[in-house]
Amino acid sequence: MLTPRNLQRCFKVFFAIAFASLLIVMLGPFQDLELRFGFTDKEAHATAFFAVANALFIIAPRRRRTDLAMVAAALGLAIELLQGLTGRDVSLADFMADAAGITAAVLPGVVERLRHQLRTHPDLSVRQLRALDRRTRRRRRPAPEAQGRTSSANPA
């Protein structure tokens, strides 16, 4: 039966295979392979990391998109550094293309979040919205004067 969980499991397997293939292509002796598919080097980097970021969003739905985007960016940086060890060029422009692809993956979620806030709380400040956000809400400690009190019904 096709359920979101089963679809996610299939996607995890597909992502593992696709990411391994991506590593082989980016670290192996396959320079200019993207030209055969009609992409420039920067377009290939942006497209690959757009896909990596979206794949991470699907396989880790309980993690924040911004955290997953940072993981994808760290992977992009690591790949660029590893390319230097394999005899290929380390390129800041390639990393920036990776970041552009990741940003393109994150932006729709940011826009949708803003749309939600505009619908539900259009006049609250960003600080007030953060206080309402269940992901950033901290457990509140009792006030210092309340900590030392004991109830009269339950003497200590």
N, C-alpha and C. Protein backbone atom coordinates (compact mmCIF):
# COMPACT_ATOMS: atom_id res chain seq x y z
N MET A 1 0.85 -1.16 0.00
CA MET A 1 0.00 0.00 0.00
C MET A 1 0.90 1.24 0.00
N LEU A 2 0.54 2.20 -0.81
CA LEU A 2 1.32 3.43 -0.92
C LEU A 2 0.88 4.41 0.16
N THR A 3 1.77 4.66 1.11
CA THR A 3 1.53 5.62 2.17
C THR A 3 2.69 6.61 2.16
N PRO A 4 2.54 7.76 2.80
CA PRO A 4 3.67 8.68 2.86
C PRO A 4 4.91 8.04 3.48
N ARG A 5 4.74 7.19 4.49
CA ARG A 5 5.90 6.55 5.12
C ARG A 5 6.60 5.59 4.15
N ASN A 6 5.82 4.81 3.39
CA ASN A 6 6.42 3.90 2.41
C ASN A 6 7.09 4.68 1.29
N LEU A 7 6.47 5.77 0.88
CA LEU A 7 7.07 6.62 -0.14
C LEU A 7 8.38 7.21 0.37
N GLN A 8 8.40 7.61 1.64
CA GLN A 8 9.61 8.15 2.24
C GLN A 8 10.72 7.08 2.27
N ARG A 9 10.37 5.86 2.61
CA ARG A 9 11.36 4.76 2.63
C ARG A 9 11.95 4.55 1.23
N CYS A 10 11.10 4.56 0.21
CA CYS A 10 11.59 4.42 -1.16
C CYS A 10 12.50 5.58 -1.52
N PHE A 11 12.12 6.75 -1.08
CA PHE A 11 12.91 7.94 -1.38
C PHE A 11 14.27 7.88 -0.68
N LYS A 12 14.31 7.32 0.52
CA LYS A 12 15.59 7.17 1.22
C LYS A 12 16.55 6.29 0.43
N VAL A 13 16.04 5.19 -0.10
CA VAL A 13 16.87 4.30 -0.91
C VAL A 13 17.33 5.01 -2.18
N PHE A 14 16.39 5.67 -2.85
CA PHE A 14 16.73 6.41 -4.07
C PHE A 14 17.76 7.49 -3.77
N PHE A 15 17.58 8.22 -2.65
CA PHE A 15 18.51 9.28 -2.29
C PHE A 15 19.91 8.72 -2.03
N ALA A 16 20.00 7.60 -1.34
CA ALA A 16 21.31 7.00 -1.06
C ALA A 16 22.03 6.64 -2.36
N ILE A 17 21.31 6.05 -3.29
CA ILE A 17 21.90 5.69 -4.59
C ILE A 17 22.27 6.94 -5.37
N ALA A 18 21.36 7.92 -5.41
CA ALA A 18 21.62 9.15 -6.16
C ALA A 18 22.78 9.93 -5.56
N PHE A 19 22.86 9.98 -4.23
CA PHE A 19 23.96 10.72 -3.59
C PHE A 19 25.29 10.03 -3.83
N ALA A 20 25.31 8.71 -3.78
CA ALA A 20 26.55 7.98 -4.08
C ALA A 20 26.98 8.25 -5.52
N SER A 21 26.03 8.26 -6.43
CA SER A 21 26.33 8.55 -7.83
C SER A 21 26.85 9.98 -7.98
N LEU A 22 26.24 10.90 -7.26
CA LEU A 22 26.67 12.30 -7.31
C LEU A 22 28.11 12.43 -6.81
N LEU A 23 28.44 11.75 -5.73
CA LEU A 23 29.81 11.78 -5.22
C LEU A 23 30.80 11.24 -6.25
N ILE A 24 30.43 10.14 -6.90
CA ILE A 24 31.32 9.55 -7.90
C ILE A 24 31.53 10.53 -9.05
N VAL A 25 30.46 11.15 -9.50
CA VAL A 25 30.57 12.09 -10.62
C VAL A 25 31.37 13.33 -10.23
N MET A 26 31.14 13.85 -9.01
CA MET A 26 31.81 15.08 -8.60
C MET A 26 33.26 14.86 -8.18
N LEU A 27 33.59 13.66 -7.72
CA LEU A 27 34.95 13.41 -7.25
C LEU A 27 35.78 12.58 -8.22
N GLY A 28 35.13 11.91 -9.15
CA GLY A 28 35.84 11.05 -10.09
C GLY A 28 36.40 11.83 -11.28
N PRO A 29 36.97 11.09 -12.20
CA PRO A 29 37.60 11.72 -13.38
C PRO A 29 36.58 12.03 -14.49
N PHE A 30 35.45 12.57 -14.11
CA PHE A 30 34.37 12.81 -15.07
C PHE A 30 34.18 14.30 -15.33
N GLN A 31 35.27 15.02 -15.44
CA GLN A 31 35.18 16.46 -15.66
C GLN A 31 34.42 16.75 -16.96
N ASP A 32 33.56 17.74 -16.93
CA ASP A 32 32.77 18.20 -18.07
C ASP A 32 31.69 17.21 -18.51
N LEU A 33 31.33 16.25 -17.66
CA LEU A 33 30.27 15.30 -17.98
C LEU A 33 28.93 16.01 -18.12
N GLU A 34 28.74 17.09 -17.36
CA GLU A 34 27.47 17.82 -17.39
C GLU A 34 27.19 18.44 -18.76
N LEU A 35 28.23 18.70 -19.53
CA LEU A 35 28.05 19.28 -20.86
C LEU A 35 27.29 18.33 -21.79
N ARG A 36 27.44 17.05 -21.56
CA ARG A 36 26.71 16.06 -22.38
C ARG A 36 25.21 16.10 -22.14
N PHE A 37 24.82 16.64 -20.99
CA PHE A 37 23.40 16.74 -20.65
C PHE A 37 22.86 18.15 -20.88
N GLY A 38 23.68 19.02 -21.45
CA GLY A 38 23.24 20.38 -21.77
C GLY A 38 23.31 21.36 -20.62
N PHE A 39 24.07 21.03 -19.58
CA PHE A 39 24.23 21.92 -18.43
C PHE A 39 25.61 22.55 -18.44
N THR A 40 25.71 23.77 -17.93
CA THR A 40 27.03 24.31 -17.61
C THR A 40 27.43 23.73 -16.26
N ASP A 41 28.67 23.93 -15.88
CA ASP A 41 29.15 23.41 -14.60
C ASP A 41 28.34 24.01 -13.44
N LYS A 42 28.10 25.31 -13.49
CA LYS A 42 27.37 25.97 -12.38
C LYS A 42 25.91 25.53 -12.35
N GLU A 43 25.29 25.36 -13.50
CA GLU A 43 23.90 24.87 -13.55
C GLU A 43 23.81 23.47 -12.97
N ALA A 44 24.80 22.64 -13.26
CA ALA A 44 24.81 21.27 -12.73
C ALA A 44 24.95 21.29 -11.21
N HIS A 45 25.83 22.15 -10.69
CA HIS A 45 25.99 22.24 -9.24
C HIS A 45 24.70 22.71 -8.58
N ALA A 46 24.09 23.77 -9.12
CA ALA A 46 22.86 24.31 -8.54
C ALA A 46 21.74 23.28 -8.59
N THR A 47 21.60 22.60 -9.72
CA THR A 47 20.55 21.59 -9.86
C THR A 47 20.77 20.42 -8.91
N ALA A 48 22.01 19.97 -8.80
CA ALA A 48 22.32 18.84 -7.92
C ALA A 48 22.01 19.18 -6.46
N PHE A 49 22.39 20.37 -6.02
CA PHE A 49 22.17 20.70 -4.62
C PHE A 49 20.75 21.15 -4.33
N PHE A 50 20.02 21.60 -5.35
CA PHE A 50 18.57 21.79 -5.21
C PHE A 50 17.94 20.43 -4.91
N ALA A 51 18.35 19.41 -5.65
CA ALA A 51 17.83 18.06 -5.44
C ALA A 51 18.26 17.49 -4.10
N VAL A 52 19.52 17.71 -3.71
CA VAL A 52 20.01 17.21 -2.42
C VAL A 52 19.21 17.82 -1.28
N ALA A 53 19.01 19.15 -1.33
CA ALA A 53 18.27 19.82 -0.26
C ALA A 53 16.83 19.31 -0.19
N ASN A 54 16.17 19.20 -1.32
CA ASN A 54 14.79 18.70 -1.31
C ASN A 54 14.72 17.25 -0.83
N ALA A 55 15.70 16.45 -1.21
CA ALA A 55 15.73 15.06 -0.73
C ALA A 55 15.88 15.03 0.79
N LEU A 56 16.75 15.88 1.33
CA LEU A 56 16.90 15.94 2.79
C LEU A 56 15.60 16.38 3.46
N PHE A 57 14.87 17.31 2.83
CA PHE A 57 13.60 17.77 3.40
C PHE A 57 12.61 16.60 3.48
N ILE A 58 12.64 15.72 2.50
CA ILE A 58 11.70 14.59 2.47
C ILE A 58 12.12 13.49 3.44
N ILE A 59 13.41 13.17 3.49
CA ILE A 59 13.82 12.04 4.33
C ILE A 59 13.95 12.41 5.80
N ALA A 60 13.97 13.70 6.12
CA ALA A 60 14.05 14.13 7.52
C ALA A 60 12.98 15.18 7.81
N PRO A 61 11.70 14.81 7.77
CA PRO A 61 10.62 15.79 7.89
C PRO A 61 10.51 16.46 9.26
N ARG A 62 11.11 15.88 10.28
CA ARG A 62 11.01 16.48 11.62
C ARG A 62 12.14 17.46 11.90
N ARG A 63 13.07 17.58 11.00
CA ARG A 63 14.17 18.54 11.15
C ARG A 63 13.79 19.85 10.47
N ARG A 64 14.32 20.94 10.97
CA ARG A 64 14.03 22.25 10.38
C ARG A 64 14.73 22.36 9.03
N ARG A 65 14.02 23.01 8.09
CA ARG A 65 14.58 23.19 6.74
C ARG A 65 15.91 23.93 6.78
N THR A 66 16.01 24.93 7.64
CA THR A 66 17.26 25.70 7.69
C THR A 66 18.42 24.83 8.18
N ASP A 67 18.17 23.95 9.12
CA ASP A 67 19.22 23.04 9.59
C ASP A 67 19.64 22.08 8.47
N LEU A 68 18.65 21.56 7.76
CA LEU A 68 18.96 20.65 6.65
C LEU A 68 19.68 21.38 5.53
N ALA A 69 19.34 22.64 5.31
CA ALA A 69 20.05 23.43 4.30
C ALA A 69 21.51 23.61 4.70
N MET A 70 21.77 23.79 5.97
CA MET A 70 23.15 23.91 6.45
C MET A 70 23.91 22.60 6.25
N VAL A 71 23.24 21.48 6.45
CA VAL A 71 23.85 20.18 6.20
C VAL A 71 24.21 20.05 4.71
N ALA A 72 23.28 20.44 3.85
CA ALA A 72 23.54 20.38 2.41
C ALA A 72 24.70 21.29 2.03
N ALA A 73 24.76 22.48 2.63
CA ALA A 73 25.87 23.40 2.34
C ALA A 73 27.20 22.82 2.83
N ALA A 74 27.17 22.18 3.99
CA ALA A 74 28.40 21.54 4.50
C ALA A 74 28.84 20.41 3.56
N LEU A 75 27.87 19.67 3.01
CA LEU A 75 28.21 18.62 2.04
C LEU A 75 28.84 19.24 0.80
N GLY A 76 28.28 20.36 0.34
CA GLY A 76 28.83 21.04 -0.83
C GLY A 76 30.25 21.50 -0.58
N LEU A 77 30.49 22.08 0.59
CA LEU A 77 31.84 22.53 0.94
C LEU A 77 32.80 21.35 1.04
N ALA A 78 32.35 20.27 1.67
CA ALA A 78 33.20 19.08 1.80
C ALA A 78 33.55 18.51 0.43
N ILE A 79 32.59 18.48 -0.46
CA ILE A 79 32.86 17.97 -1.81
C ILE A 79 33.87 18.85 -2.53
N GLU A 80 33.72 20.16 -2.40
CA GLU A 80 34.69 21.06 -3.03
C GLU A 80 36.09 20.84 -2.49
N LEU A 81 36.20 20.67 -1.18
CA LEU A 81 37.51 20.43 -0.58
C LEU A 81 38.07 19.08 -1.01
N LEU A 82 37.21 18.07 -1.08
CA LEU A 82 37.67 16.74 -1.54
C LEU A 82 38.08 16.76 -3.00
N GLN A 83 37.46 17.62 -3.80
CA GLN A 83 37.86 17.72 -5.20
C GLN A 83 39.31 18.17 -5.32
N GLY A 84 39.74 19.01 -4.40
CA GLY A 84 41.14 19.43 -4.40
C GLY A 84 42.08 18.28 -4.13
N LEU A 85 41.62 17.29 -3.37
CA LEU A 85 42.46 16.12 -3.08
C LEU A 85 42.48 15.11 -4.22
N THR A 86 41.52 15.21 -5.12
CA THR A 86 41.45 14.24 -6.23
C THR A 86 42.03 14.81 -7.53
N GLY A 87 42.68 15.96 -7.44
CA GLY A 87 43.30 16.54 -8.63
C GLY A 87 42.39 17.47 -9.42
N ARG A 88 41.20 17.70 -8.93
CA ARG A 88 40.29 18.63 -9.60
C ARG A 88 40.39 19.99 -8.93
N ASP A 89 39.79 20.98 -9.53
CA ASP A 89 39.87 22.34 -9.01
C ASP A 89 38.89 22.54 -7.86
N VAL A 90 39.36 23.23 -6.82
CA VAL A 90 38.49 23.69 -5.74
C VAL A 90 37.99 25.05 -6.19
N SER A 91 36.67 25.22 -6.20
CA SER A 91 36.11 26.44 -6.76
C SER A 91 35.09 27.06 -5.82
N LEU A 92 35.33 28.30 -5.46
CA LEU A 92 34.35 29.03 -4.66
C LEU A 92 33.08 29.26 -5.48
N ALA A 93 33.24 29.46 -6.78
CA ALA A 93 32.07 29.66 -7.65
C ALA A 93 31.19 28.41 -7.67
N ASP A 94 31.80 27.22 -7.66
CA ASP A 94 31.01 25.98 -7.60
C ASP A 94 30.24 25.90 -6.29
N PHE A 95 30.90 26.27 -5.18
CA PHE A 95 30.23 26.25 -3.88
C PHE A 95 29.09 27.27 -3.86
N MET A 96 29.30 28.41 -4.47
CA MET A 96 28.22 29.43 -4.54
C MET A 96 27.05 28.90 -5.37
N ALA A 97 27.34 28.15 -6.42
CA ALA A 97 26.27 27.54 -7.22
C ALA A 97 25.52 26.50 -6.38
N ASP A 98 26.26 25.74 -5.57
CA ASP A 98 25.62 24.79 -4.64
C ASP A 98 24.68 25.55 -3.71
N ALA A 99 25.17 26.66 -3.16
CA ALA A 99 24.37 27.47 -2.23
C ALA A 99 23.14 28.05 -2.92
N ALA A 100 23.28 28.42 -4.18
CA ALA A 100 22.13 28.95 -4.93
C ALA A 100 21.05 27.87 -5.10
N GLY A 101 21.46 26.65 -5.38
CA GLY A 101 20.50 25.55 -5.50
C GLY A 101 19.81 25.26 -4.17
N ILE A 102 20.57 25.31 -3.09
CA ILE A 102 20.01 25.08 -1.76
C ILE A 102 19.02 26.19 -1.41
N THR A 103 19.40 27.43 -1.71
CA THR A 103 18.52 28.57 -1.45
C THR A 103 17.22 28.44 -2.24
N ALA A 104 17.33 28.01 -3.49
CA ALA A 104 16.12 27.82 -4.31
C ALA A 104 15.21 26.76 -3.71
N ALA A 105 15.78 25.78 -3.03
CA ALA A 105 14.97 24.74 -2.39
C ALA A 105 14.31 25.25 -1.10
N VAL A 106 14.99 26.12 -0.38
CA VAL A 106 14.49 26.62 0.91
C VAL A 106 13.44 27.71 0.74
N LEU A 107 13.59 28.55 -0.27
CA LEU A 107 12.73 29.73 -0.41
C LEU A 107 11.23 29.45 -0.46
N PRO A 108 10.75 28.44 -1.17
CA PRO A 108 9.30 28.21 -1.15
C PRO A 108 8.75 27.96 0.25
N GLY A 109 9.49 27.27 1.09
CA GLY A 109 9.05 27.04 2.47
C GLY A 109 9.03 28.33 3.28
N VAL A 110 10.02 29.19 3.05
CA VAL A 110 10.07 30.47 3.75
C VAL A 110 8.89 31.34 3.33
N VAL A 111 8.61 31.36 2.03
CA VAL A 111 7.48 32.15 1.53
C VAL A 111 6.16 31.60 2.09
N GLU A 112 6.01 30.30 2.12
CA GLU A 112 4.78 29.71 2.65
C GLU A 112 4.62 30.01 4.14
N ARG A 113 5.72 29.98 4.88
CA ARG A 113 5.67 30.32 6.31
C ARG A 113 5.23 31.77 6.50
N LEU A 114 5.78 32.68 5.69
CA LEU A 114 5.39 34.09 5.76
C LEU A 114 3.91 34.25 5.41
N ARG A 115 3.44 33.54 4.39
CA ARG A 115 2.03 33.60 4.01
C ARG A 115 1.15 33.15 5.19
N HIS A 116 1.56 32.08 5.86
CA HIS A 116 0.81 31.59 7.02
C HIS A 116 0.76 32.64 8.12
N GLN A 117 1.90 33.26 8.39
CA GLN A 117 1.95 34.29 9.43
C GLN A 117 1.10 35.49 9.06
N LEU A 118 1.10 35.85 7.78
CA LEU A 118 0.27 36.97 7.34
C LEU A 118 -1.22 36.66 7.49
N ARG A 119 -1.60 35.40 7.29
CA ARG A 119 -3.00 35.00 7.45
C ARG A 119 -3.42 34.92 8.91
N THR A 120 -2.54 34.41 9.76
CA THR A 120 -2.94 34.12 11.14
C THR A 120 -2.60 35.23 12.13
N HIS A 121 -1.48 35.90 11.96
CA HIS A 121 -1.03 36.92 12.92
C HIS A 121 -0.39 38.10 12.18
N PRO A 122 -1.13 38.83 11.37
CA PRO A 122 -0.51 39.86 10.53
C PRO A 122 0.08 41.04 11.29
N ASP A 123 -0.33 41.27 12.53
CA ASP A 123 0.13 42.45 13.24
C ASP A 123 1.11 42.17 14.37
N LEU A 124 1.53 40.91 14.52
CA LEU A 124 2.50 40.59 15.57
C LEU A 124 3.91 40.90 15.08
N SER A 125 4.77 41.26 16.03
CA SER A 125 6.18 41.49 15.69
C SER A 125 6.87 40.13 15.49
N VAL A 126 8.04 40.18 14.90
CA VAL A 126 8.81 38.95 14.70
C VAL A 126 9.12 38.31 16.05
N ARG A 127 9.41 39.13 17.04
CA ARG A 127 9.70 38.61 18.38
C ARG A 127 8.48 37.88 18.96
N GLN A 128 7.30 38.45 18.77
CA GLN A 128 6.07 37.81 19.26
C GLN A 128 5.79 36.52 18.51
N LEU A 129 6.05 36.52 17.21
CA LEU A 129 5.85 35.30 16.42
C LEU A 129 6.80 34.20 16.88
N ARG A 130 8.03 34.57 17.19
CA ARG A 130 9.00 33.58 17.70
C ARG A 130 8.52 32.98 19.01
N ALA A 131 7.92 33.81 19.87
CA ALA A 131 7.42 33.31 21.15
C ALA A 131 6.28 32.32 20.95
N LEU A 132 5.50 32.49 19.88
CA LEU A 132 4.40 31.57 19.59
C LEU A 132 4.88 30.29 18.91
N ASP A 133 6.04 30.33 18.29
CA ASP A 133 6.53 29.20 17.49
C ASP A 133 6.86 28.03 18.41
N ARG A 134 6.20 26.92 18.21
CA ARG A 134 6.41 25.74 19.06
C ARG A 134 7.81 25.18 18.94
N ARG A 135 8.49 25.44 17.82
CA ARG A 135 9.84 24.91 17.63
C ARG A 135 10.88 25.67 18.45
N THR A 136 10.60 26.94 18.76
CA THR A 136 11.57 27.73 19.49
C THR A 136 11.14 28.03 20.92
N ARG A 137 9.95 27.61 21.29
CA ARG A 137 9.45 27.87 22.63
C ARG A 137 10.26 27.06 23.63
N ARG A 138 10.73 27.71 24.64
CA ARG A 138 11.50 27.03 25.69
C ARG A 138 10.56 26.70 26.85
N ARG A 139 10.93 25.69 27.58
CA ARG A 139 10.14 25.38 28.77
C ARG A 139 10.33 26.50 29.77
N ARG A 140 9.24 26.94 30.32
CA ARG A 140 9.31 28.05 31.26
C ARG A 140 9.58 27.53 32.66
N ARG A 141 10.51 28.18 33.30
CA ARG A 141 10.80 27.83 34.69
C ARG A 141 9.87 28.64 35.59
N PRO A 142 9.53 28.09 36.73
CA PRO A 142 8.70 28.86 37.65
C PRO A 142 9.48 30.08 38.15
N ALA A 143 8.75 31.12 38.50
CA ALA A 143 9.37 32.33 39.02
C ALA A 143 10.12 31.99 40.30
N PRO A 144 11.22 32.71 40.61
CA PRO A 144 12.02 32.38 41.80
C PRO A 144 11.22 32.38 43.09
N GLU A 145 10.26 33.31 43.22
CA GLU A 145 9.48 33.33 44.47
C GLU A 145 8.55 32.14 44.56
N ALA A 146 8.15 31.55 43.45
CA ALA A 146 7.24 30.41 43.47
C ALA A 146 7.98 29.10 43.76
N GLN A 147 9.29 29.09 43.56
CA GLN A 147 10.04 27.85 43.76
C GLN A 147 10.12 27.45 45.23
N GLY A 148 10.19 28.44 46.13
CA GLY A 148 10.37 28.12 47.55
C GLY A 148 9.06 27.87 48.28
N ARG A 149 7.94 28.13 47.65
CA ARG A 149 6.63 27.99 48.31
C ARG A 149 6.20 26.52 48.39
N THR A 150 5.54 26.23 49.46
CA THR A 150 4.87 24.92 49.56
C THR A 150 3.40 25.19 49.78
N SER A 151 2.59 24.30 49.36
CA SER A 151 1.16 24.52 49.52
C SER A 151 0.77 24.25 50.96
N SER A 152 -0.26 24.95 51.42
CA SER A 152 -0.70 24.77 52.83
C SER A 152 -1.39 23.42 53.02
N ALA A 153 -1.92 22.86 51.94
CA ALA A 153 -2.58 21.56 52.04
C ALA A 153 -1.58 20.44 52.15
N ASN A 154 -0.34 20.68 51.72
CA ASN A 154 0.69 19.65 51.72
C ASN A 154 1.92 20.21 52.43
N PRO A 155 1.92 20.27 53.79
CA PRO A 155 3.08 20.83 54.47
C PRO A 155 4.29 19.93 54.33
N ALA A 156 5.44 20.57 54.22
CA ALA A 156 6.68 19.81 54.03
C ALA A 156 7.26 19.33 55.32
